[in-house]
């Protein structure tokens, strides 16, 4: 099943996004594809969520209040234990933005606005590639 890991347990996905509309759309897209997803509103909440109960994949908005996605990703990479795949999700299309995301410890990059197929595709790519789940 798509939303399950190789171990048979559900793949744990966290979306760190401060925009309520983007939260609803992202969650709906992924739920329809069979995934279970939790939501947080900023990077500090994402860091705390990862500490409390580690996720397999985090969709990380780059521009959020309190702690942005870049800093949250850097701090998550310093945590002990299993490391999630972190996919940057940003509306910033500046040259060098993808490289900035990768330097902060993110594994991939998805620009907004995105189509449902693009979001599902990037999640499938990383979920199917991680046999350790």
C-alpha atoms as a PDB file:
ATOM      1  CA  UNK A   1       0.000   0.000   0.000  1.00  0.00           C
ATOM      2  CA  UNK A   2       1.289   3.461  -0.907  1.00  0.00           C
ATOM      3  CA  UNK A   3       0.962   5.022   2.548  1.00  0.00           C
ATOM      4  CA  UNK A   4       2.705   2.116   4.262  1.00  0.00           C
ATOM      5  CA  UNK A   5       6.373   1.541   4.766  1.00  0.00           C
ATOM      6  CA  UNK A   6       8.178  -1.659   3.883  1.00  0.00           C
ATOM      7  CA  UNK A   7       7.748  -2.661   7.549  1.00  0.00           C
ATOM      8  CA  UNK A   8       3.956  -2.453   7.145  1.00  0.00           C
ATOM      9  CA  UNK A   9       3.620   0.551   9.436  1.00  0.00           C
ATOM     10  CA  UNK A  10       2.243   3.829   8.076  1.00  0.00           C
ATOM     11  CA  UNK A  11       4.738   6.294   6.657  1.00  0.00           C
ATOM     12  CA  UNK A  12       4.874   9.276   9.018  1.00  0.00           C
ATOM     13  CA  UNK A  13       4.644  12.592   7.168  1.00  0.00           C
ATOM     14  CA  UNK A  14       4.767  16.058   8.713  1.00  0.00           C
ATOM     15  CA  UNK A  15       3.859  19.243   6.857  1.00  0.00           C
ATOM     16  CA  UNK A  16       5.332  22.426   8.332  1.00  0.00           C
ATOM     17  CA  UNK A  17       3.308  25.213   6.720  1.00  0.00           C
ATOM     18  CA  UNK A  18       1.976  28.470   8.166  1.00  0.00           C
ATOM     19  CA  UNK A  19      -0.704  29.122   5.538  1.00  0.00           C
ATOM     20  CA  UNK A  20      -4.021  27.428   6.489  1.00  0.00           C
ATOM     21  CA  UNK A  21      -5.133  27.079   2.860  1.00  0.00           C
ATOM     22  CA  UNK A  22      -1.847  25.453   1.860  1.00  0.00           C
ATOM     23  CA  UNK A  23      -2.162  23.137   4.883  1.00  0.00           C
ATOM     24  CA  UNK A  24      -5.647  22.021   3.858  1.00  0.00           C
ATOM     25  CA  UNK A  25      -4.729  21.524   0.204  1.00  0.00           C
ATOM     26  CA  UNK A  26      -1.524  19.602   0.951  1.00  0.00           C
ATOM     27  CA  UNK A  27      -3.195  17.409   3.535  1.00  0.00           C
ATOM     28  CA  UNK A  28      -6.131  16.628   1.258  1.00  0.00           C
ATOM     29  CA  UNK A  29      -3.878  15.726  -1.682  1.00  0.00           C
ATOM     30  CA  UNK A  30      -1.781  13.360   0.413  1.00  0.00           C
ATOM     31  CA  UNK A  31      -4.737  11.802   2.235  1.00  0.00           C
ATOM     32  CA  UNK A  32      -6.388  11.031  -1.098  1.00  0.00           C
ATOM     33  CA  UNK A  33      -3.150   9.300  -2.117  1.00  0.00           C
ATOM     34  CA  UNK A  34      -3.326   7.105   0.999  1.00  0.00           C
ATOM     35  CA  UNK A  35      -0.927   8.923   3.319  1.00  0.00           C
ATOM     36  CA  UNK A  36      -1.448  10.026   6.905  1.00  0.00           C
ATOM     37  CA  UNK A  37      -0.115  13.521   7.532  1.00  0.00           C
ATOM     38  CA  UNK A  38       0.311  15.759  10.568  1.00  0.00           C
ATOM     39  CA  UNK A  39       0.447  19.549  10.406  1.00  0.00           C
ATOM     40  CA  UNK A  40       2.451  22.191  12.266  1.00  0.00           C
ATOM     41  CA  UNK A  41       2.553  25.942  11.665  1.00  0.00           C
ATOM     42  CA  UNK A  42       6.239  26.816  11.989  1.00  0.00           C
ATOM     43  CA  UNK A  43       9.758  25.481  12.164  1.00  0.00           C
ATOM     44  CA  UNK A  44       9.973  25.383  15.959  1.00  0.00           C
ATOM     45  CA  UNK A  45       6.860  23.179  16.045  1.00  0.00           C
ATOM     46  CA  UNK A  46       8.390  20.942  13.354  1.00  0.00           C
ATOM     47  CA  UNK A  47      11.555  20.563  15.421  1.00  0.00           C
ATOM     48  CA  UNK A  48       9.568  19.674  18.541  1.00  0.00           C
ATOM     49  CA  UNK A  49       7.366  17.230  16.605  1.00  0.00           C
ATOM     50  CA  UNK A  50      10.450  15.481  15.206  1.00  0.00           C
ATOM     51  CA  UNK A  51      11.995  15.261  18.677  1.00  0.00           C
ATOM     52  CA  UNK A  52       8.807  13.849  20.215  1.00  0.00           C
ATOM     53  CA  UNK A  53       7.942  11.206  17.628  1.00  0.00           C
ATOM     54  CA  UNK A  54      10.227  11.085  14.573  1.00  0.00           C
ATOM     55  CA  UNK A  55       8.777  11.413  11.084  1.00  0.00           C
ATOM     56  CA  UNK A  56       9.862   9.641   7.917  1.00  0.00           C
ATOM     57  CA  UNK A  57       9.337  12.682   5.696  1.00  0.00           C
ATOM     58  CA  UNK A  58       8.867  16.387   6.416  1.00  0.00           C
ATOM     59  CA  UNK A  59       7.436  18.834   3.879  1.00  0.00           C
ATOM     60  CA  UNK A  60       9.108  22.033   5.076  1.00  0.00           C
ATOM     61  CA  UNK A  61       7.916  25.474   4.055  1.00  0.00           C
ATOM     62  CA  UNK A  62      10.960  27.726   3.922  1.00  0.00           C
ATOM     63  CA  UNK A  63       9.310  31.011   4.958  1.00  0.00           C
ATOM     64  CA  UNK A  64       7.499  30.661   8.298  1.00  0.00           C
ATOM     65  CA  UNK A  65       7.254  32.816  11.423  1.00  0.00           C
ATOM     66  CA  UNK A  66       9.115  32.049  14.667  1.00  0.00           C
ATOM     67  CA  UNK A  67      11.618  29.683  12.989  1.00  0.00           C
ATOM     68  CA  UNK A  68      11.930  29.363   9.217  1.00  0.00           C
ATOM     69  CA  UNK A  69      12.354  26.074   7.410  1.00  0.00           C
ATOM     70  CA  UNK A  70      16.076  26.585   6.841  1.00  0.00           C
ATOM     71  CA  UNK A  71      16.863  26.868  10.558  1.00  0.00           C
ATOM     72  CA  UNK A  72      14.432  24.089  11.468  1.00  0.00           C
ATOM     73  CA  UNK A  73      16.111  21.771   8.955  1.00  0.00           C
ATOM     74  CA  UNK A  74      19.585  22.596  10.274  1.00  0.00           C
ATOM     75  CA  UNK A  75      18.459  21.844  13.831  1.00  0.00           C
ATOM     76  CA  UNK A  76      16.660  18.628  12.846  1.00  0.00           C
ATOM     77  CA  UNK A  77      19.872  17.428  11.182  1.00  0.00           C
ATOM     78  CA  UNK A  78      21.647  17.819  14.533  1.00  0.00           C
ATOM     79  CA  UNK A  79      19.195  15.537  16.365  1.00  0.00           C
ATOM     80  CA  UNK A  80      20.219  12.021  17.327  1.00  0.00           C
ATOM     81  CA  UNK A  81      18.217   9.129  15.998  1.00  0.00           C
ATOM     82  CA  UNK A  82      16.558   8.414  12.677  1.00  0.00           C
ATOM     83  CA  UNK A  83      16.680  11.290  10.220  1.00  0.00           C
ATOM     84  CA  UNK A  84      13.686  12.207   8.067  1.00  0.00           C
ATOM     85  CA  UNK A  85      13.718  13.119   4.420  1.00  0.00           C
ATOM     86  CA  UNK A  86      13.128  16.879   4.329  1.00  0.00           C
ATOM     87  CA  UNK A  87      11.534  18.342   1.202  1.00  0.00           C
ATOM     88  CA  UNK A  88      11.652  22.129   0.902  1.00  0.00           C
ATOM     89  CA  UNK A  89       8.362  23.648  -0.226  1.00  0.00           C
ATOM     90  CA  UNK A  90       8.726  27.281  -1.222  1.00  0.00           C
ATOM     91  CA  UNK A  91       7.234  29.993  -3.396  1.00  0.00           C
ATOM     92  CA  UNK A  92      10.651  31.608  -3.703  1.00  0.00           C
ATOM     93  CA  UNK A  93      11.888  30.924  -7.226  1.00  0.00           C
ATOM     94  CA  UNK A  94      15.131  32.899  -6.946  1.00  0.00           C
ATOM     95  CA  UNK A  95      18.276  31.572  -8.556  1.00  0.00           C
ATOM     96  CA  UNK A  96      20.208  29.631  -5.945  1.00  0.00           C
ATOM     97  CA  UNK A  97      17.188  28.844  -3.757  1.00  0.00           C
ATOM     98  CA  UNK A  98      17.433  25.095  -4.409  1.00  0.00           C
ATOM     99  CA  UNK A  99      21.110  25.143  -3.429  1.00  0.00           C
ATOM    100  CA  UNK A 100      20.292  27.116  -0.276  1.00  0.00           C
ATOM    101  CA  UNK A 101      17.740  24.445   0.674  1.00  0.00           C
ATOM    102  CA  UNK A 102      20.199  21.618   0.096  1.00  0.00           C
ATOM    103  CA  UNK A 103      22.879  23.425   2.128  1.00  0.00           C
ATOM    104  CA  UNK A 104      20.426  23.695   5.040  1.00  0.00           C
ATOM    105  CA  UNK A 105      20.130  19.895   5.057  1.00  0.00           C
ATOM    106  CA  UNK A 106      17.024  19.432   2.942  1.00  0.00           C
ATOM    107  CA  UNK A 107      16.951  16.493   0.541  1.00  0.00           C
ATOM    108  CA  UNK A 108      14.720  17.865  -2.197  1.00  0.00           C
ATOM    109  CA  UNK A 109      12.848  20.943  -3.369  1.00  0.00           C
ATOM    110  CA  UNK A 110       9.283  21.565  -4.522  1.00  0.00           C
ATOM    111  CA  UNK A 111       8.241  25.013  -5.686  1.00  0.00           C
ATOM    112  CA  UNK A 112       4.815  26.540  -5.071  1.00  0.00           C
ATOM    113  CA  UNK A 113       2.361  26.570  -6.546  1.00  0.00           C
ATOM    114  CA  UNK A 114       2.535  22.867  -7.296  1.00  0.00           C
ATOM    115  CA  UNK A 115       0.153  20.422  -8.906  1.00  0.00           C
ATOM    116  CA  UNK A 116      -1.195  17.470  -6.922  1.00  0.00           C
ATOM    117  CA  UNK A 117       0.808  15.100  -9.123  1.00  0.00           C
ATOM    118  CA  UNK A 118       4.042  16.952  -8.305  1.00  0.00           C
ATOM    119  CA  UNK A 119       3.472  16.702  -4.538  1.00  0.00           C
ATOM    120  CA  UNK A 120       2.524  13.024  -4.702  1.00  0.00           C
ATOM    121  CA  UNK A 121       5.456  12.358  -7.026  1.00  0.00           C
ATOM    122  CA  UNK A 122       8.073  13.829  -4.696  1.00  0.00           C
ATOM    123  CA  UNK A 123       6.625  11.971  -1.692  1.00  0.00           C
ATOM    124  CA  UNK A 124       6.481   8.661  -3.616  1.00  0.00           C
ATOM    125  CA  UNK A 125      10.055   9.156  -4.818  1.00  0.00           C
ATOM    126  CA  UNK A 126      11.401   9.387  -1.278  1.00  0.00           C
ATOM    127  CA  UNK A 127       9.036   6.899   0.357  1.00  0.00           C
ATOM    128  CA  UNK A 128       9.793   4.184  -2.200  1.00  0.00           C
ATOM    129  CA  UNK A 129      13.524   4.810  -1.887  1.00  0.00           C
ATOM    130  CA  UNK A 130      13.688   4.313   1.881  1.00  0.00           C
ATOM    131  CA  UNK A 131      13.525   0.599   2.590  1.00  0.00           C
ATOM    132  CA  UNK A 132      14.477   1.240   6.227  1.00  0.00           C
ATOM    133  CA  UNK A 133      10.997   2.528   7.079  1.00  0.00           C
END
